[in-house]
Amino acid sequence: MIPRGMAATGALLLALAGGAQAALKPGDAAPSFATTAALAGKTFGFDMSAALKKGPVVLYFFPKAFTQGCTLEAHAFAESTPEFNRLGASVVGISHDDIDTLRKFSTEACRDQFAVASDPQAQTIRAYDASSGARPGTANRISYVIGQNGKVVYVHEGIDPMEHVTGTLEAVRQMKGAGR
């Protein structure tokens, strides 16, 4: 039997995820990956397994650095990163862009607040079923919240960059409230 508060939280998270068309759904295992990322203009090795040991991860896929929607989304995630961090979560964006482009994007658009990872072979993009049908190798705008247990907690897919930030932040707040 699920405790009453946990059942309500689970129902809310599923409702928040409503409408998502991604292959990964809440409860699915999130694929582990390691790649090169940039934060504040510096490159480092990002490892999803290591990040999850520190807390939940907000993993958002974006089509292309320095495009209007992706820059707006990065600014919004940058503004919300202190709140995500206060709740114990980290944010990482991922795209098909090369690491040199993302190094610059991490400073200019992400405002040195969170990491952006390069997926030059689109392996992670495919593993998370985030591929754009229109542009092979390019990611659709899809966001996941992944719990420390490696399971997908929340999924949002859509073109409005702001909804990704508000939805993932609400999902992280719900996780924190549920004690997960």
C-alpha atoms as a PDB file:
ATOM      1  CA  MET A   1       0.000   0.000   0.000  1.00  0.00           C
ATOM      2  CA  ILE A   2       1.286   3.449  -0.956  1.00  0.00           C
ATOM      3  CA  PRO A   3       1.146   6.085   1.803  1.00  0.00           C
ATOM      4  CA  ARG A   4      -1.538   8.674   1.081  1.00  0.00           C
ATOM      5  CA  GLY A   5       0.862  11.628   0.642  1.00  0.00           C
ATOM      6  CA  MET A   6       3.091   9.642  -1.688  1.00  0.00           C
ATOM      7  CA  ALA A   7       0.128   8.537  -3.805  1.00  0.00           C
ATOM      8  CA  ALA A   8      -1.003  12.147  -4.183  1.00  0.00           C
ATOM      9  CA  THR A   9       2.508  13.240  -5.097  1.00  0.00           C
ATOM     10  CA  GLY A  10       2.817  10.412  -7.616  1.00  0.00           C
ATOM     11  CA  ALA A  11      -0.515  11.342  -9.162  1.00  0.00           C
ATOM     12  CA  LEU A  12       0.575  14.983  -9.391  1.00  0.00           C
ATOM     13  CA  LEU A  13       3.854  14.057 -11.061  1.00  0.00           C
ATOM     14  CA  LEU A  14       2.030  11.884 -13.571  1.00  0.00           C
ATOM     15  CA  ALA A  15      -0.423  14.704 -14.226  1.00  0.00           C
ATOM     16  CA  LEU A  16       2.458  17.134 -14.681  1.00  0.00           C
ATOM     17  CA  ALA A  17       3.962  14.757 -17.211  1.00  0.00           C
ATOM     18  CA  GLY A  18       0.691  14.491 -19.116  1.00  0.00           C
ATOM     19  CA  GLY A  19       0.975  15.207 -22.789  1.00  0.00           C
ATOM     20  CA  ALA A  20       4.606  14.180 -23.052  1.00  0.00           C
ATOM     21  CA  GLN A  21       5.233  12.166 -26.178  1.00  0.00           C
ATOM     22  CA  ALA A  22       8.766  11.002 -25.381  1.00  0.00           C
ATOM     23  CA  ALA A  23       9.528   7.288 -25.348  1.00  0.00           C
ATOM     24  CA  LEU A  24      10.838   7.494 -21.787  1.00  0.00           C
ATOM     25  CA  LYS A  25       8.014   7.794 -19.296  1.00  0.00           C
ATOM     26  CA  PRO A  26       7.921   8.361 -15.543  1.00  0.00           C
ATOM     27  CA  GLY A  27       9.192   5.195 -13.885  1.00  0.00           C
ATOM     28  CA  ASP A  28      11.490   4.221 -16.779  1.00  0.00           C
ATOM     29  CA  ALA A  29      15.204   3.773 -16.153  1.00  0.00           C
ATOM     30  CA  ALA A  30      17.163   6.768 -17.430  1.00  0.00           C
ATOM     31  CA  PRO A  31      20.078   5.734 -19.648  1.00  0.00           C
ATOM     32  CA  SER A  32      23.442   6.437 -18.082  1.00  0.00           C
ATOM     33  CA  PHE A  33      25.993   8.323 -20.158  1.00  0.00           C
ATOM     34  CA  ALA A  34      29.270  10.191 -19.969  1.00  0.00           C
ATOM     35  CA  THR A  35      30.344  13.000 -22.289  1.00  0.00           C
ATOM     36  CA  THR A  36      32.223  16.264 -22.488  1.00  0.00           C
ATOM     37  CA  ALA A  37      30.449  19.269 -21.006  1.00  0.00           C
ATOM     38  CA  ALA A  38      31.130  22.918 -20.304  1.00  0.00           C
ATOM     39  CA  LEU A  39      30.417  25.093 -17.298  1.00  0.00           C
ATOM     40  CA  ALA A  40      31.467  28.732 -17.050  1.00  0.00           C
ATOM     41  CA  GLY A  41      33.518  28.338 -20.224  1.00  0.00           C
ATOM     42  CA  LYS A  42      35.537  25.389 -18.936  1.00  0.00           C
ATOM     43  CA  THR A  43      35.281  21.815 -20.185  1.00  0.00           C
ATOM     44  CA  PHE A  44      34.967  18.782 -17.949  1.00  0.00           C
ATOM     45  CA  GLY A  45      33.795  15.183 -18.114  1.00  0.00           C
ATOM     46  CA  PHE A  46      30.116  14.877 -17.237  1.00  0.00           C
ATOM     47  CA  ASP A  47      28.957  11.492 -15.947  1.00  0.00           C
ATOM     48  CA  MET A  48      25.240  10.987 -15.285  1.00  0.00           C
ATOM     49  CA  SER A  49      25.839   8.259 -12.680  1.00  0.00           C
ATOM     50  CA  ALA A  50      28.168  10.519 -10.701  1.00  0.00           C
ATOM     51  CA  ALA A  51      25.733  13.443 -10.932  1.00  0.00           C
ATOM     52  CA  LEU A  52      22.869  11.302  -9.596  1.00  0.00           C
ATOM     53  CA  LYS A  53      24.911  10.402  -6.511  1.00  0.00           C
ATOM     54  CA  LYS A  54      24.679  14.090  -5.539  1.00  0.00           C
ATOM     55  CA  GLY A  55      20.936  14.470  -6.135  1.00  0.00           C
ATOM     56  CA  PRO A  56      18.240  14.502  -8.814  1.00  0.00           C
ATOM     57  CA  VAL A  57      19.216  15.710 -12.278  1.00  0.00           C
ATOM     58  CA  VAL A  58      17.206  17.952 -14.574  1.00  0.00           C
ATOM     59  CA  LEU A  59      18.359  16.866 -18.037  1.00  0.00           C
ATOM     60  CA  TYR A  60      17.063  19.013 -20.832  1.00  0.00           C
ATOM     61  CA  PHE A  61      17.669  18.508 -24.520  1.00  0.00           C
ATOM     62  CA  PHE A  62      17.760  21.516 -26.808  1.00  0.00           C
ATOM     63  CA  PRO A  63      18.075  21.780 -30.597  1.00  0.00           C
ATOM     64  CA  LYS A  64      20.897  24.283 -31.164  1.00  0.00           C
ATOM     65  CA  ALA A  65      22.955  26.710 -29.108  1.00  0.00           C
ATOM     66  CA  PHE A  66      22.512  30.403 -29.799  1.00  0.00           C
ATOM     67  CA  THR A  67      19.123  30.044 -31.492  1.00  0.00           C
ATOM     68  CA  GLN A  68      16.344  32.220 -30.091  1.00  0.00           C
ATOM     69  CA  GLY A  69      14.347  29.561 -28.229  1.00  0.00           C
ATOM     70  CA  CYS A  70      17.410  27.759 -26.900  1.00  0.00           C
ATOM     71  CA  THR A  71      18.945  30.992 -25.631  1.00  0.00           C
ATOM     72  CA  LEU A  72      15.675  31.961 -23.899  1.00  0.00           C
ATOM     73  CA  GLU A  73      15.481  28.516 -22.325  1.00  0.00           C
ATOM     74  CA  ALA A  74      19.104  28.708 -21.139  1.00  0.00           C
ATOM     75  CA  HIS A  75      18.497  32.137 -19.597  1.00  0.00           C
ATOM     76  CA  ALA A  76      15.415  30.814 -17.762  1.00  0.00           C
ATOM     77  CA  PHE A  77      17.256  27.738 -16.481  1.00  0.00           C
ATOM     78  CA  ALA A  78      20.133  30.012 -15.393  1.00  0.00           C
ATOM     79  CA  GLU A  79      17.742  32.203 -13.402  1.00  0.00           C
ATOM     80  CA  SER A  80      16.206  29.122 -11.752  1.00  0.00           C
ATOM     81  CA  THR A  81      19.435  27.202 -11.111  1.00  0.00           C
ATOM     82  CA  PRO A  82      19.886  28.608  -7.572  1.00  0.00           C
ATOM     83  CA  GLU A  83      16.405  27.276  -6.702  1.00  0.00           C
ATOM     84  CA  PHE A  84      17.132  23.884  -8.295  1.00  0.00           C
ATOM     85  CA  ASN A  85      20.391  23.749  -6.304  1.00  0.00           C
ATOM     86  CA  ARG A  86      18.609  24.739  -3.076  1.00  0.00           C
ATOM     87  CA  LEU A  87      16.320  21.748  -3.662  1.00  0.00           C
ATOM     88  CA  GLY A  88      19.341  19.478  -4.156  1.00  0.00           C
ATOM     89  CA  ALA A  89      19.004  19.113  -7.940  1.00  0.00           C
ATOM     90  CA  SER A  90      21.457  19.897 -10.688  1.00  0.00           C
ATOM     91  CA  VAL A  91      20.669  21.093 -14.209  1.00  0.00           C
ATOM     92  CA  VAL A  92      22.422  19.996 -17.386  1.00  0.00           C
ATOM     93  CA  GLY A  93      21.478  20.853 -20.946  1.00  0.00           C
ATOM     94  CA  ILE A  94      22.511  18.657 -23.843  1.00  0.00           C
ATOM     95  CA  SER A  95      22.645  19.161 -27.584  1.00  0.00           C
ATOM     96  CA  HIS A  96      24.387  17.977 -30.725  1.00  0.00           C
ATOM     97  CA  ASP A  97      26.551  21.140 -30.732  1.00  0.00           C
ATOM     98  CA  ASP A  98      30.324  20.764 -30.546  1.00  0.00           C
ATOM     99  CA  ILE A  99      32.070  21.461 -27.256  1.00  0.00           C
ATOM    100  CA  ASP A 100      33.686  24.689 -28.487  1.00  0.00           C
ATOM    101  CA  THR A 101      30.242  26.151 -29.213  1.00  0.00           C
ATOM    102  CA  LEU A 102      28.915  24.923 -25.862  1.00  0.00           C
ATOM    103  CA  ARG A 103      31.885  26.360 -23.977  1.00  0.00           C
ATOM    104  CA  LYS A 104      30.863  29.808 -25.230  1.00  0.00           C
ATOM    105  CA  PHE A 105      27.130  29.069 -24.724  1.00  0.00           C
ATOM    106  CA  SER A 106      27.791  28.005 -21.107  1.00  0.00           C
ATOM    107  CA  THR A 107      29.016  31.509 -20.339  1.00  0.00           C
ATOM    108  CA  GLU A 108      26.866  33.703 -22.557  1.00  0.00           C
ATOM    109  CA  ALA A 109      23.462  31.978 -22.463  1.00  0.00           C
ATOM    110  CA  CYS A 110      23.757  29.760 -19.383  1.00  0.00           C
ATOM    111  CA  ARG A 111      25.375  32.624 -17.473  1.00  0.00           C
ATOM    112  CA  ASP A 112      27.895  30.308 -15.800  1.00  0.00           C
ATOM    113  CA  GLN A 113      25.077  28.733 -13.763  1.00  0.00           C
ATOM    114  CA  PHE A 114      24.784  25.187 -15.116  1.00  0.00           C
ATOM    115  CA  ALA A 115      26.547  22.742 -17.415  1.00  0.00           C
ATOM    116  CA  VAL A 116      25.793  22.036 -21.054  1.00  0.00           C
ATOM    117  CA  ALA A 117      26.931  18.747 -22.572  1.00  0.00           C
ATOM    118  CA  SER A 118      27.938  17.879 -26.104  1.00  0.00           C
ATOM    119  CA  ASP A 119      26.497  14.837 -27.846  1.00  0.00           C
ATOM    120  CA  PRO A 120      28.361  14.947 -31.176  1.00  0.00           C
ATOM    121  CA  GLN A 121      27.303  11.430 -32.244  1.00  0.00           C
ATOM    122  CA  ALA A 122      23.726  11.941 -30.941  1.00  0.00           C
ATOM    123  CA  GLN A 123      24.014   8.730 -28.901  1.00  0.00           C
ATOM    124  CA  THR A 124      22.453  10.205 -25.772  1.00  0.00           C
ATOM    125  CA  ILE A 125      19.860  12.053 -27.841  1.00  0.00           C
ATOM    126  CA  ARG A 126      18.777   8.708 -29.322  1.00  0.00           C
ATOM    127  CA  ALA A 127      18.963   6.870 -25.972  1.00  0.00           C
ATOM    128  CA  TYR A 128      16.501   9.370 -24.486  1.00  0.00           C
ATOM    129  CA  ASP A 129      14.347   9.334 -27.629  1.00  0.00           C
ATOM    130  CA  ALA A 130      14.944  13.057 -28.023  1.00  0.00           C
ATOM    131  CA  SER A 131      15.806  13.014 -31.740  1.00  0.00           C
ATOM    132  CA  SER A 132      14.224  15.509 -34.058  1.00  0.00           C
ATOM    133  CA  GLY A 133      12.559  13.781 -36.978  1.00  0.00           C
ATOM    134  CA  ALA A 134      13.063  16.891 -39.096  1.00  0.00           C
ATOM    135  CA  ARG A 135      16.806  17.240 -38.472  1.00  0.00           C
ATOM    136  CA  PRO A 136      18.642  13.951 -37.826  1.00  0.00           C
ATOM    137  CA  GLY A 137      21.137  14.173 -34.975  1.00  0.00           C
ATOM    138  CA  THR A 138      19.461  17.286 -33.622  1.00  0.00           C
ATOM    139  CA  ALA A 139      17.489  17.080 -30.395  1.00  0.00           C
ATOM    140  CA  ASN A 140      13.874  18.008 -29.870  1.00  0.00           C
ATOM    141  CA  ARG A 141      13.106  20.213 -26.885  1.00  0.00           C
ATOM    142  CA  ILE A 142      12.542  17.544 -24.190  1.00  0.00           C
ATOM    143  CA  SER A 143      13.173  17.809 -20.455  1.00  0.00           C
ATOM    144  CA  TYR A 144      13.512  15.023 -17.921  1.00  0.00           C
ATOM    145  CA  VAL A 145      13.755  15.035 -14.155  1.00  0.00           C
ATOM    146  CA  ILE A 146      15.670  11.969 -13.041  1.00  0.00           C
ATOM    147  CA  GLY A 147      15.585  10.810  -9.432  1.00  0.00           C
ATOM    148  CA  GLN A 148      18.641   9.626  -7.554  1.00  0.00           C
ATOM    149  CA  ASN A 149      17.447   6.062  -8.122  1.00  0.00           C
ATOM    150  CA  GLY A 150      18.053   6.572 -11.863  1.00  0.00           C
ATOM    151  CA  LYS A 151      14.354   6.551 -12.730  1.00  0.00           C
ATOM    152  CA  VAL A 152      12.555   9.167 -14.788  1.00  0.00           C
ATOM    153  CA  VAL A 153      10.235  11.161 -12.530  1.00  0.00           C
ATOM    154  CA  TYR A 154       8.958  13.774 -14.985  1.00  0.00           C
ATOM    155  CA  VAL A 155       8.972  14.358 -18.737  1.00  0.00           C
ATOM    156  CA  HIS A 156       8.006  17.444 -20.725  1.00  0.00           C
ATOM    157  CA  GLU A 157       8.148  17.817 -24.479  1.00  0.00           C
ATOM    158  CA  GLY A 158       7.072  20.989 -26.237  1.00  0.00           C
ATOM    159  CA  ILE A 159       8.245  24.068 -28.056  1.00  0.00           C
ATOM    160  CA  ASP A 160       7.698  26.615 -25.263  1.00  0.00           C
ATOM    161  CA  PRO A 161      11.079  26.892 -23.516  1.00  0.00           C
ATOM    162  CA  MET A 162       9.591  28.464 -20.385  1.00  0.00           C
ATOM    163  CA  GLU A 163       7.282  25.505 -19.752  1.00  0.00           C
ATOM    164  CA  HIS A 164      10.340  23.264 -19.480  1.00  0.00           C
ATOM    165  CA  VAL A 165      11.751  25.346 -16.656  1.00  0.00           C
ATOM    166  CA  THR A 166       8.500  25.753 -14.724  1.00  0.00           C
ATOM    167  CA  GLY A 167       7.526  22.097 -15.172  1.00  0.00           C
ATOM    168  CA  THR A 168      10.859  20.649 -14.101  1.00  0.00           C
ATOM    169  CA  LEU A 169      11.107  23.013 -11.141  1.00  0.00           C
ATOM    170  CA  GLU A 170       7.634  22.007  -9.953  1.00  0.00           C
ATOM    171  CA  ALA A 171       8.517  18.319 -10.331  1.00  0.00           C
ATOM    172  CA  VAL A 172      11.702  18.799  -8.261  1.00  0.00           C
ATOM    173  CA  ARG A 173       9.692  20.655  -5.595  1.00  0.00           C
ATOM    174  CA  GLN A 174       7.224  17.756  -5.476  1.00  0.00           C
ATOM    175  CA  MET A 175      10.074  15.265  -5.126  1.00  0.00           C
ATOM    176  CA  LYS A 176      11.548  17.293  -2.268  1.00  0.00           C
ATOM    177  CA  GLY A 177       8.134  17.450  -0.593  1.00  0.00           C
ATOM    178  CA  ALA A 178       7.748  13.685  -0.935  1.00  0.00           C
ATOM    179  CA  GLY A 179      11.148  13.143   0.650  1.00  0.00           C
ATOM    180  CA  ARG A 180      12.623  11.422  -2.403  1.00  0.00           C
END
